[in-house]
All heavy atoms as atom14 arrays in JSON, in Angstrom:
{
  "sequence": "VDEKRKKEVLPSGNIVKKIYKDPATSITVEKYFSDHFSLRDV",
  "atom14_mask": [
    [1, 1, 1, 1, 1, 1, 1, 0, 0, 0, 0, 0, 0, 0],
    [1, 1, 1, 1, 1, 1, 1, 1, 0, 0, 0, 0, 0, 0],
    [1, 1, 1, 1, 1, 1, 1, 1, 1, 0, 0, 0, 0, 0],
    [1, 1, 1, 1, 1, 1, 1, 1, 1, 0, 0, 0, 0, 0],
    [1, 1, 1, 1, 1, 1, 1, 1, 1, 1, 1, 0, 0, 0],
    [1, 1, 1, 1, 1, 1, 1, 1, 1, 0, 0, 0, 0, 0],
    [1, 1, 1, 1, 1, 1, 1, 1, 1, 0, 0, 0, 0, 0],
    [1, 1, 1, 1, 1, 1, 1, 1, 1, 0, 0, 0, 0, 0],
    [1, 1, 1, 1, 1, 1, 1, 0, 0, 0, 0, 0, 0, 0],
    [1, 1, 1, 1, 1, 1, 1, 1, 0, 0, 0, 0, 0, 0],
    [1, 1, 1, 1, 1, 1, 1, 0, 0, 0, 0, 0, 0, 0],
    [1, 1, 1, 1, 1, 1, 0, 0, 0, 0, 0, 0, 0, 0],
    [1, 1, 1, 1, 0, 0, 0, 0, 0, 0, 0, 0, 0, 0],
    [1, 1, 1, 1, 1, 1, 1, 1, 0, 0, 0, 0, 0, 0],
    [1, 1, 1, 1, 1, 1, 1, 1, 0, 0, 0, 0, 0, 0],
    [1, 1, 1, 1, 1, 1, 1, 0, 0, 0, 0, 0, 0, 0],
    [1, 1, 1, 1, 1, 1, 1, 1, 1, 0, 0, 0, 0, 0],
    [1, 1, 1, 1, 1, 1, 1, 1, 1, 0, 0, 0, 0, 0],
    [1, 1, 1, 1, 1, 1, 1, 1, 0, 0, 0, 0, 0, 0],
    [1, 1, 1, 1, 1, 1, 1, 1, 1, 1, 1, 1, 0, 0],
    [1, 1, 1, 1, 1, 1, 1, 1, 1, 0, 0, 0, 0, 0],
    [1, 1, 1, 1, 1, 1, 1, 1, 0, 0, 0, 0, 0, 0],
    [1, 1, 1, 1, 1, 1, 1, 0, 0, 0, 0, 0, 0, 0],
    [1, 1, 1, 1, 1, 0, 0, 0, 0, 0, 0, 0, 0, 0],
    [1, 1, 1, 1, 1, 1, 1, 0, 0, 0, 0, 0, 0, 0],
    [1, 1, 1, 1, 1, 1, 0, 0, 0, 0, 0, 0, 0, 0],
    [1, 1, 1, 1, 1, 1, 1, 1, 0, 0, 0, 0, 0, 0],
    [1, 1, 1, 1, 1, 1, 1, 0, 0, 0, 0, 0, 0, 0],
    [1, 1, 1, 1, 1, 1, 1, 0, 0, 0, 0, 0, 0, 0],
    [1, 1, 1, 1, 1, 1, 1, 1, 1, 0, 0, 0, 0, 0],
    [1, 1, 1, 1, 1, 1, 1, 1, 1, 0, 0, 0, 0, 0],
    [1, 1, 1, 1, 1, 1, 1, 1, 1, 1, 1, 1, 0, 0],
    [1, 1, 1, 1, 1, 1, 1, 1, 1, 1, 1, 0, 0, 0],
    [1, 1, 1, 1, 1, 1, 0, 0, 0, 0, 0, 0, 0, 0],
    [1, 1, 1, 1, 1, 1, 1, 1, 0, 0, 0, 0, 0, 0],
    [1, 1, 1, 1, 1, 1, 1, 1, 1, 1, 0, 0, 0, 0],
    [1, 1, 1, 1, 1, 1, 1, 1, 1, 1, 1, 0, 0, 0],
    [1, 1, 1, 1, 1, 1, 0, 0, 0, 0, 0, 0, 0, 0],
    [1, 1, 1, 1, 1, 1, 1, 1, 0, 0, 0, 0, 0, 0],
    [1, 1, 1, 1, 1, 1, 1, 1, 1, 1, 1, 0, 0, 0],
    [1, 1, 1, 1, 1, 1, 1, 1, 0, 0, 0, 0, 0, 0],
    [1, 1, 1, 1, 1, 1, 1, 0, 0, 0, 0, 0, 0, 0]
  ],
  "atom14_positions": [
    [[-51.23, -165.34, -19.27], [-51.5, -166.62, -19.93], [-50.48, -166.83, -21.05], [-50.29, -165.96, -21.9], [-52.93, -166.65, -20.52], [-53.16, -167.96, -21.28], [-53.95, -166.48, -19.42], [0.0, 0.0, 0.0], [0.0, 0.0, 0.0], [0.0, 0.0, 0.0], [0.0, 0.0, 0.0], [0.0, 0.0, 0.0], [0.0, 0.0, 0.0], [0.0, 0.0, 0.0]],
    [[-49.81, -167.97, -21.02], [-48.86, -168.31, -22.06], [-49.63, -168.99, -23.19], [-49.98, -170.16, -23.09], [-47.77, -169.23, -21.52], [-46.69, -169.53, -22.56], [-46.76, -168.97, -23.66], [-45.78, -170.34, -22.27], [0.0, 0.0, 0.0], [0.0, 0.0, 0.0], [0.0, 0.0, 0.0], [0.0, 0.0, 0.0], [0.0, 0.0, 0.0], [0.0, 0.0, 0.0]],
    [[-49.89, -168.25, -24.26], [-50.72, -168.77, -25.35], [-49.92, -169.45, -26.46], [-50.46, -169.86, -27.48], [-51.56, -167.65, -25.95], [-52.51, -167.01, -24.96], [-53.38, -165.94, -25.58], [-54.14, -166.25, -26.5], [-53.28, -164.78, -25.14], [0.0, 0.0, 0.0], [0.0, 0.0, 0.0], [0.0, 0.0, 0.0], [0.0, 0.0, 0.0], [0.0, 0.0, 0.0]],
    [[-48.6, -169.57, -26.29], [-47.74, -170.23, -27.26], [-47.86, -169.6, -28.65], [-47.82, -170.29, -29.67], [-48.09, -171.73, -27.35], [-48.07, -172.46, -26.02], [-46.7, -172.48, -25.39], [-46.71, -173.28, -24.09], [-45.4, -173.26, -23.4], [0.0, 0.0, 0.0], [0.0, 0.0, 0.0], [0.0, 0.0, 0.0], [0.0, 0.0, 0.0], [0.0, 0.0, 0.0]],
    [[-48.04, -168.3, -28.67], [-48.1, -167.6, -29.96], [-47.69, -166.15, -29.74], [-47.69, -165.65, -28.61], [-49.51, -167.65, -30.54], [-50.54, -166.83, -29.74], [-51.91, -166.87, -30.37], [-52.86, -166.06, -29.62], [-53.09, -164.77, -29.85], [-52.4, -164.11, -30.79], [-53.98, -164.1, -29.14], [0.0, 0.0, 0.0], [0.0, 0.0, 0.0], [0.0, 0.0, 0.0]],
    [[-47.35, -165.48, -30.83], [-46.99, -164.07, -30.75], [-48.24, -163.22, -30.88], [-49.05, -163.43, -31.77], [-46.0, -163.71, -31.85], [-44.61, -164.31, -31.67], [-43.66, -163.82, -32.74], [-42.26, -164.39, -32.54], [-41.32, -163.93, -33.59], [0.0, 0.0, 0.0], [0.0, 0.0, 0.0], [0.0, 0.0, 0.0], [0.0, 0.0, 0.0], [0.0, 0.0, 0.0]],
    [[-48.37, -162.27, -29.97], [-49.52, -161.38, -30.03], [-49.32, -160.33, -31.13], [-48.2, -160.03, -31.53], [-49.74, -160.7, -28.68], [-50.19, -161.66, -27.59], [-50.51, -160.92, -26.3], [-51.02, -161.87, -25.23], [-51.37, -161.16, -23.97], [0.0, 0.0, 0.0], [0.0, 0.0, 0.0], [0.0, 0.0, 0.0], [0.0, 0.0, 0.0], [0.0, 0.0, 0.0]],
    [[-50.43, -159.81, -31.61], [-50.4, -158.83, -32.69], [-49.67, -157.57, -32.24], [-49.77, -157.14, -31.1], [-51.83, -158.47, -33.11], [-51.93, -157.74, -34.43], [-51.51, -158.6, -35.6], [-52.05, -159.71, -35.75], [-50.63, -158.14, -36.38], [0.0, 0.0, 0.0], [0.0, 0.0, 0.0], [0.0, 0.0, 0.0], [0.0, 0.0, 0.0], [0.0, 0.0, 0.0]],
    [[-48.89, -157.0, -33.16], [-48.12, -155.78, -32.88], [-48.8, -154.6, -33.55], [-49.22, -154.69, -34.71], [-46.67, -155.91, -33.4], [-45.9, -154.62, -33.14], [-45.98, -157.09, -32.72], [0.0, 0.0, 0.0], [0.0, 0.0, 0.0], [0.0, 0.0, 0.0], [0.0, 0.0, 0.0], [0.0, 0.0, 0.0], [0.0, 0.0, 0.0], [0.0, 0.0, 0.0]],
    [[-48.92, -153.5, -32.83], [-49.55, -152.31, -33.37], [-48.64, -151.66, -34.42], [-47.45, -151.44, -34.17], [-49.82, -151.31, -32.24], [-50.68, -150.1, -32.61], [-52.1, -150.54, -32.93], [-50.68, -149.1, -31.46], [0.0, 0.0, 0.0], [0.0, 0.0, 0.0], [0.0, 0.0, 0.0], [0.0, 0.0, 0.0], [0.0, 0.0, 0.0], [0.0, 0.0, 0.0]],
    [[-49.17, -151.39, -35.61], [-48.35, -150.75, -36.66], [-47.79, -149.42, -36.17], [-48.45, -148.67, -35.44], [-49.35, -150.54, -37.81], [-50.42, -151.55, -37.56], [-50.54, -151.66, -36.07], [0.0, 0.0, 0.0], [0.0, 0.0, 0.0], [0.0, 0.0, 0.0], [0.0, 0.0, 0.0], [0.0, 0.0, 0.0], [0.0, 0.0, 0.0], [0.0, 0.0, 0.0]],
    [[-46.58, -149.12, -36.56], [-45.94, -147.87, -36.15], [-46.45, -146.71, -37.01], [-47.03, -146.92, -38.07], [-44.42, -147.99, -36.28], [-44.06, -148.29, -37.62], [0.0, 0.0, 0.0], [0.0, 0.0, 0.0], [0.0, 0.0, 0.0], [0.0, 0.0, 0.0], [0.0, 0.0, 0.0], [0.0, 0.0, 0.0], [0.0, 0.0, 0.0], [0.0, 0.0, 0.0]],
    [[-46.22, -145.51, -36.54], [-46.61, -144.33, -37.31], [-48.04, -143.89, -37.03], [-48.67, -144.31, -36.06], [0.0, 0.0, 0.0], [0.0, 0.0, 0.0], [0.0, 0.0, 0.0], [0.0, 0.0, 0.0], [0.0, 0.0, 0.0], [0.0, 0.0, 0.0], [0.0, 0.0, 0.0], [0.0, 0.0, 0.0], [0.0, 0.0, 0.0], [0.0, 0.0, 0.0]],
    [[-48.54, -143.07, -37.91], [-49.9, -142.54, -37.77], [-50.92, -143.6, -38.2], [-51.08, -143.89, -39.39], [-50.05, -141.28, -38.64], [-51.33, -140.52, -38.34], [-52.4, -141.12, -38.26], [-51.21, -139.22, -38.17], [0.0, 0.0, 0.0], [0.0, 0.0, 0.0], [0.0, 0.0, 0.0], [0.0, 0.0, 0.0], [0.0, 0.0, 0.0], [0.0, 0.0, 0.0]],
    [[-51.61, -144.17, -37.23], [-52.54, -145.27, -37.5], [-53.71, -144.81, -38.37], [-54.13, -145.51, -39.29], [-53.08, -145.84, -36.17], [-51.93, -146.33, -35.29], [-54.05, -146.98, -36.46], [-51.11, -147.42, -35.91], [0.0, 0.0, 0.0], [0.0, 0.0, 0.0], [0.0, 0.0, 0.0], [0.0, 0.0, 0.0], [0.0, 0.0, 0.0], [0.0, 0.0, 0.0]],
    [[-54.22, -143.59, -38.09], [-55.38, -143.07, -38.84], [-55.05, -142.95, -40.32], [-55.83, -143.36, -41.19], [-55.84, -141.71, -38.27], [-56.99, -141.15, -39.11], [-56.26, -141.87, -36.81], [0.0, 0.0, 0.0], [0.0, 0.0, 0.0], [0.0, 0.0, 0.0], [0.0, 0.0, 0.0], [0.0, 0.0, 0.0], [0.0, 0.0, 0.0], [0.0, 0.0, 0.0]],
    [[-53.88, -142.4, -40.61], [-53.48, -142.23, -42.01], [-53.29, -143.59, -42.69], [-53.65, -143.78, -43.85], [-52.17, -141.43, -42.09], [-52.35, -139.96, -41.77], [-51.03, -139.21, -41.96], [-51.21, -137.71, -41.7], [-49.93, -136.97, -41.86], [0.0, 0.0, 0.0], [0.0, 0.0, 0.0], [0.0, 0.0, 0.0], [0.0, 0.0, 0.0], [0.0, 0.0, 0.0]],
    [[-52.72, -144.54, -41.94], [-52.49, -145.87, -42.52], [-53.81, -146.57, -42.83], [-53.93, -147.24, -43.86], [-51.64, -146.72, -41.57], [-50.18, -146.29, -41.52], [-49.32, -147.3, -40.77], [-47.85, -146.93, -40.86], [-46.98, -147.91, -40.22], [0.0, 0.0, 0.0], [0.0, 0.0, 0.0], [0.0, 0.0, 0.0], [0.0, 0.0, 0.0], [0.0, 0.0, 0.0]],
    [[-54.77, -146.41, -41.95], [-56.09, -147.02, -42.19], [-56.76, -146.37, -43.39], [-57.42, -147.03, -44.19], [-56.97, -146.91, -40.93], [-56.39, -147.79, -39.81], [-58.4, -147.35, -41.24], [-57.15, -147.67, -38.5], [0.0, 0.0, 0.0], [0.0, 0.0, 0.0], [0.0, 0.0, 0.0], [0.0, 0.0, 0.0], [0.0, 0.0, 0.0], [0.0, 0.0, 0.0]],
    [[-56.57, -145.03, -43.51], [-57.17, -144.29, -44.63], [-56.57, -144.77, -45.96], [-57.3, -144.95, -46.96], [-56.93, -142.79, -44.45], [-57.49, -141.96, -45.58], [-58.86, -141.69, -45.65], [-56.64, -141.44, -46.56], [-59.38, -140.94, -46.69], [-57.15, -140.69, -47.61], [-58.52, -140.43, -47.67], [-59.03, -139.69, -48.71], [0.0, 0.0, 0.0], [0.0, 0.0, 0.0]],
    [[-55.24, -145.0, -45.97], [-54.59, -145.46, -47.21], [-54.85, -146.93, -47.48], [-55.02, -147.35, -48.62], [-53.08, -145.21, -47.11], [-52.68, -143.74, -47.13], [-51.18, -143.58, -47.06], [-50.76, -142.12, -47.1], [-49.28, -141.95, -47.02], [0.0, 0.0, 0.0], [0.0, 0.0, 0.0], [0.0, 0.0, 0.0], [0.0, 0.0, 0.0], [0.0, 0.0, 0.0]],
    [[-54.87, -147.73, -46.4], [-55.08, -149.17, -46.55], [-56.08, -149.64, -45.48], [-55.69, -149.9, -44.33], [-53.75, -149.91, -46.4], [-53.92, -151.42, -46.58], [-55.0, -151.85, -47.05], [-52.97, -152.16, -46.25], [0.0, 0.0, 0.0], [0.0, 0.0, 0.0], [0.0, 0.0, 0.0], [0.0, 0.0, 0.0], [0.0, 0.0, 0.0], [0.0, 0.0, 0.0]],
    [[-57.36, -149.75, -45.83], [-58.38, -150.16, -44.85], [-58.08, -151.49, -44.16], [-58.55, -151.73, -43.05], [-59.65, -150.29, -45.72], [-59.4, -149.37, -46.88], [-57.93, -149.47, -47.16], [0.0, 0.0, 0.0], [0.0, 0.0, 0.0], [0.0, 0.0, 0.0], [0.0, 0.0, 0.0], [0.0, 0.0, 0.0], [0.0, 0.0, 0.0], [0.0, 0.0, 0.0]],
    [[-57.27, -152.35, -44.81], [-56.93, -153.65, -44.2], [-56.15, -153.47, -42.91], [-56.12, -154.37, -42.05], [-56.14, -154.5, -45.18], [0.0, 0.0, 0.0], [0.0, 0.0, 0.0], [0.0, 0.0, 0.0], [0.0, 0.0, 0.0], [0.0, 0.0, 0.0], [0.0, 0.0, 0.0], [0.0, 0.0, 0.0], [0.0, 0.0, 0.0], [0.0, 0.0, 0.0]],
    [[-55.53, -152.29, -42.74], [-54.77, -152.01, -41.51], [-55.69, -152.04, -40.29], [-55.25, -152.37, -39.18], [-54.07, -150.64, -41.6], [-53.26, -150.6, -42.77], [-53.19, -150.39, -40.38], [0.0, 0.0, 0.0], [0.0, 0.0, 0.0], [0.0, 0.0, 0.0], [0.0, 0.0, 0.0], [0.0, 0.0, 0.0], [0.0, 0.0, 0.0], [0.0, 0.0, 0.0]],
    [[-56.96, -151.72, -40.49], [-57.91, -151.71, -39.37], [-58.06, -153.1, -38.76], [-58.31, -153.23, -37.55], [-59.28, -151.2, -39.84], [-59.82, -152.07, -40.84], [0.0, 0.0, 0.0], [0.0, 0.0, 0.0], [0.0, 0.0, 0.0], [0.0, 0.0, 0.0], [0.0, 0.0, 0.0], [0.0, 0.0, 0.0], [0.0, 0.0, 0.0], [0.0, 0.0, 0.0]],
    [[-57.9, -154.14, -39.6], [-57.99, -155.51, -39.08], [-56.83, -155.8, -38.13], [-57.01, -156.4, -37.07], [-57.98, -156.52, -40.26], [-59.2, -156.29, -41.15], [-57.97, -157.95, -39.73], [-59.23, -157.16, -42.38], [0.0, 0.0, 0.0], [0.0, 0.0, 0.0], [0.0, 0.0, 0.0], [0.0, 0.0, 0.0], [0.0, 0.0, 0.0], [0.0, 0.0, 0.0]],
    [[-55.64, -155.34, -38.52], [-54.46, -155.51, -37.67], [-54.63, -154.76, -36.35], [-54.31, -155.29, -35.27], [-53.19, -154.99, -38.38], [-53.02, -155.68, -39.61], [-51.95, -155.19, -37.52], [0.0, 0.0, 0.0], [0.0, 0.0, 0.0], [0.0, 0.0, 0.0], [0.0, 0.0, 0.0], [0.0, 0.0, 0.0], [0.0, 0.0, 0.0], [0.0, 0.0, 0.0]],
    [[-55.17, -153.54, -36.42], [-55.4, -152.75, -35.21], [-56.43, -153.43, -34.3], [-56.26, -153.49, -33.09], [-55.88, -151.33, -35.59], [-56.25, -150.54, -34.34], [-54.8, -150.59, -36.37], [0.0, 0.0, 0.0], [0.0, 0.0, 0.0], [0.0, 0.0, 0.0], [0.0, 0.0, 0.0], [0.0, 0.0, 0.0], [0.0, 0.0, 0.0], [0.0, 0.0, 0.0]],
    [[-57.48, -153.97, -34.92], [-58.51, -154.67, -34.15], [-57.92, -155.89, -33.44], [-58.21, -156.14, -32.26], [-59.65, -155.1, -35.06], [-60.79, -155.8, -34.32], [-61.9, -156.25, -35.24], [-61.81, -155.98, -36.46], [-62.83, -156.89, -34.75], [0.0, 0.0, 0.0], [0.0, 0.0, 0.0], [0.0, 0.0, 0.0], [0.0, 0.0, 0.0], [0.0, 0.0, 0.0]],
    [[-57.07, -156.64, -34.15], [-56.43, -157.81, -33.56], [-55.51, -157.41, -32.42], [-55.41, -158.1, -31.4], [-55.64, -158.57, -34.62], [-56.5, -159.32, -35.62], [-55.63, -160.09, -36.61], [-56.48, -160.88, -37.6], [-55.63, -161.6, -38.59], [0.0, 0.0, 0.0], [0.0, 0.0, 0.0], [0.0, 0.0, 0.0], [0.0, 0.0, 0.0], [0.0, 0.0, 0.0]],
    [[-54.83, -156.27, -32.59], [-53.93, -155.78, -31.52], [-54.71, -155.52, -30.24], [-54.32, -155.96, -29.16], [-53.22, -154.51, -31.98], [-52.48, -153.82, -30.86], [-51.22, -154.25, -30.46], [-53.07, -152.76, -30.16], [-50.54, -153.64, -29.41], [-52.4, -152.14, -29.11], [-51.15, -152.59, -28.74], [-50.49, -151.98, -27.7], [0.0, 0.0, 0.0], [0.0, 0.0, 0.0]],
    [[-55.83, -154.79, -30.36], [-56.61, -154.47, -29.17], [-57.26, -155.71, -28.57], [-57.44, -155.81, -27.35], [-57.66, -153.4, -29.49], [-57.1, -152.01, -29.58], [-56.96, -151.37, -30.79], [-56.68, -151.35, -28.43], [-56.42, -150.09, -30.87], [-56.13, -150.07, -28.49], [-56.0, -149.43, -29.72], [0.0, 0.0, 0.0], [0.0, 0.0, 0.0], [0.0, 0.0, 0.0]],
    [[-57.61, -156.68, -29.41], [-58.17, -157.93, -28.89], [-57.12, -158.7, -28.1], [-57.41, -159.29, -27.06], [-58.68, -158.8, -30.05], [-59.77, -158.18, -30.7], [0.0, 0.0, 0.0], [0.0, 0.0, 0.0], [0.0, 0.0, 0.0], [0.0, 0.0, 0.0], [0.0, 0.0, 0.0], [0.0, 0.0, 0.0], [0.0, 0.0, 0.0], [0.0, 0.0, 0.0]],
    [[-55.87, -158.69, -28.6], [-54.78, -159.4, -27.92], [-54.33, -158.7, -26.65], [-53.83, -159.35, -25.73], [-53.58, -159.54, -28.87], [-53.74, -160.69, -29.84], [-54.7, -161.47, -29.68], [-52.9, -160.82, -30.75], [0.0, 0.0, 0.0], [0.0, 0.0, 0.0], [0.0, 0.0, 0.0], [0.0, 0.0, 0.0], [0.0, 0.0, 0.0], [0.0, 0.0, 0.0]],
    [[-54.47, -157.37, -26.6], [-53.94, -156.6, -25.48], [-55.05, -156.02, -24.6], [-54.79, -155.12, -23.8], [-53.03, -155.49, -25.99], [-51.81, -156.01, -26.7], [-50.63, -156.31, -26.06], [-51.61, -156.32, -28.0], [-49.75, -156.76, -26.92], [-50.31, -156.78, -28.12], [0.0, 0.0, 0.0], [0.0, 0.0, 0.0], [0.0, 0.0, 0.0], [0.0, 0.0, 0.0]],
    [[-56.25, -156.52, -24.75], [-57.37, -156.14, -23.89], [-56.95, -156.34, -22.43], [-56.48, -157.41, -22.05], [-58.57, -157.01, -24.24], [-59.76, -156.81, -23.35], [-60.43, -155.6, -23.31], [-60.23, -157.85, -22.56], [-61.54, -155.42, -22.49], [-61.35, -157.69, -21.75], [-62.0, -156.48, -21.71], [0.0, 0.0, 0.0], [0.0, 0.0, 0.0], [0.0, 0.0, 0.0]],
    [[-57.1, -155.33, -21.6], [-56.48, -155.34, -20.27], [-56.96, -156.46, -19.35], [-56.22, -156.9, -18.48], [-56.73, -153.98, -19.58], [-58.12, -153.74, -19.44], [0.0, 0.0, 0.0], [0.0, 0.0, 0.0], [0.0, 0.0, 0.0], [0.0, 0.0, 0.0], [0.0, 0.0, 0.0], [0.0, 0.0, 0.0], [0.0, 0.0, 0.0], [0.0, 0.0, 0.0]],
    [[-58.18, -156.93, -19.52], [-58.69, -158.0, -18.67], [-58.69, -159.36, -19.38], [-59.31, -160.32, -18.9], [-60.12, -157.68, -18.21], [-60.27, -156.48, -17.26], [-61.73, -156.22, -16.97], [-59.5, -156.71, -15.97], [0.0, 0.0, 0.0], [0.0, 0.0, 0.0], [0.0, 0.0, 0.0], [0.0, 0.0, 0.0], [0.0, 0.0, 0.0], [0.0, 0.0, 0.0]],
    [[-57.99, -159.44, -20.5], [-57.98, -160.66, -21.31], [-57.5, -161.88, -20.5], [-58.16, -162.92, -20.47], [-57.1, -160.47, -22.53], [-56.95, -161.71, -23.4], [-56.0, -161.45, -24.57], [-55.7, -162.66, -25.29], [-56.47, -163.19, -26.24], [-57.6, -162.59, -26.56], [-56.13, -164.31, -26.84], [0.0, 0.0, 0.0], [0.0, 0.0, 0.0], [0.0, 0.0, 0.0]],
    [[-56.34, -161.74, -19.85], [-55.77, -162.87, -19.1], [-56.68, -163.3, -17.95], [-56.83, -164.49, -17.67], [-54.38, -162.51, -18.58], [-53.37, -162.39, -19.7], [-53.6, -162.97, -20.78], [-52.33, -161.72, -19.51], [0.0, 0.0, 0.0], [0.0, 0.0, 0.0], [0.0, 0.0, 0.0], [0.0, 0.0, 0.0], [0.0, 0.0, 0.0], [0.0, 0.0, 0.0]],
    [[-57.29, -162.3, -17.3], [-58.2, -162.61, -16.18], [-59.39, -163.42, -16.68], [-59.75, -164.45, -16.1], [-58.69, -161.31, -15.51], [-59.72, -161.63, -14.43], [-57.53, -160.54, -14.92], [0.0, 0.0, 0.0], [0.0, 0.0, 0.0], [0.0, 0.0, 0.0], [0.0, 0.0, 0.0], [0.0, 0.0, 0.0], [0.0, 0.0, 0.0], [0.0, 0.0, 0.0]]
  ]
}
């Protein structure tokens, strides 16, 4: 599906450590998985 927008990019590096240092990172990770959910387009 061409959604005319850029999908969320997963932060590089150790995600667990980044979330521990900055809890707001979890929102980015959640958006990434929502955008890249395998059956999303279907």
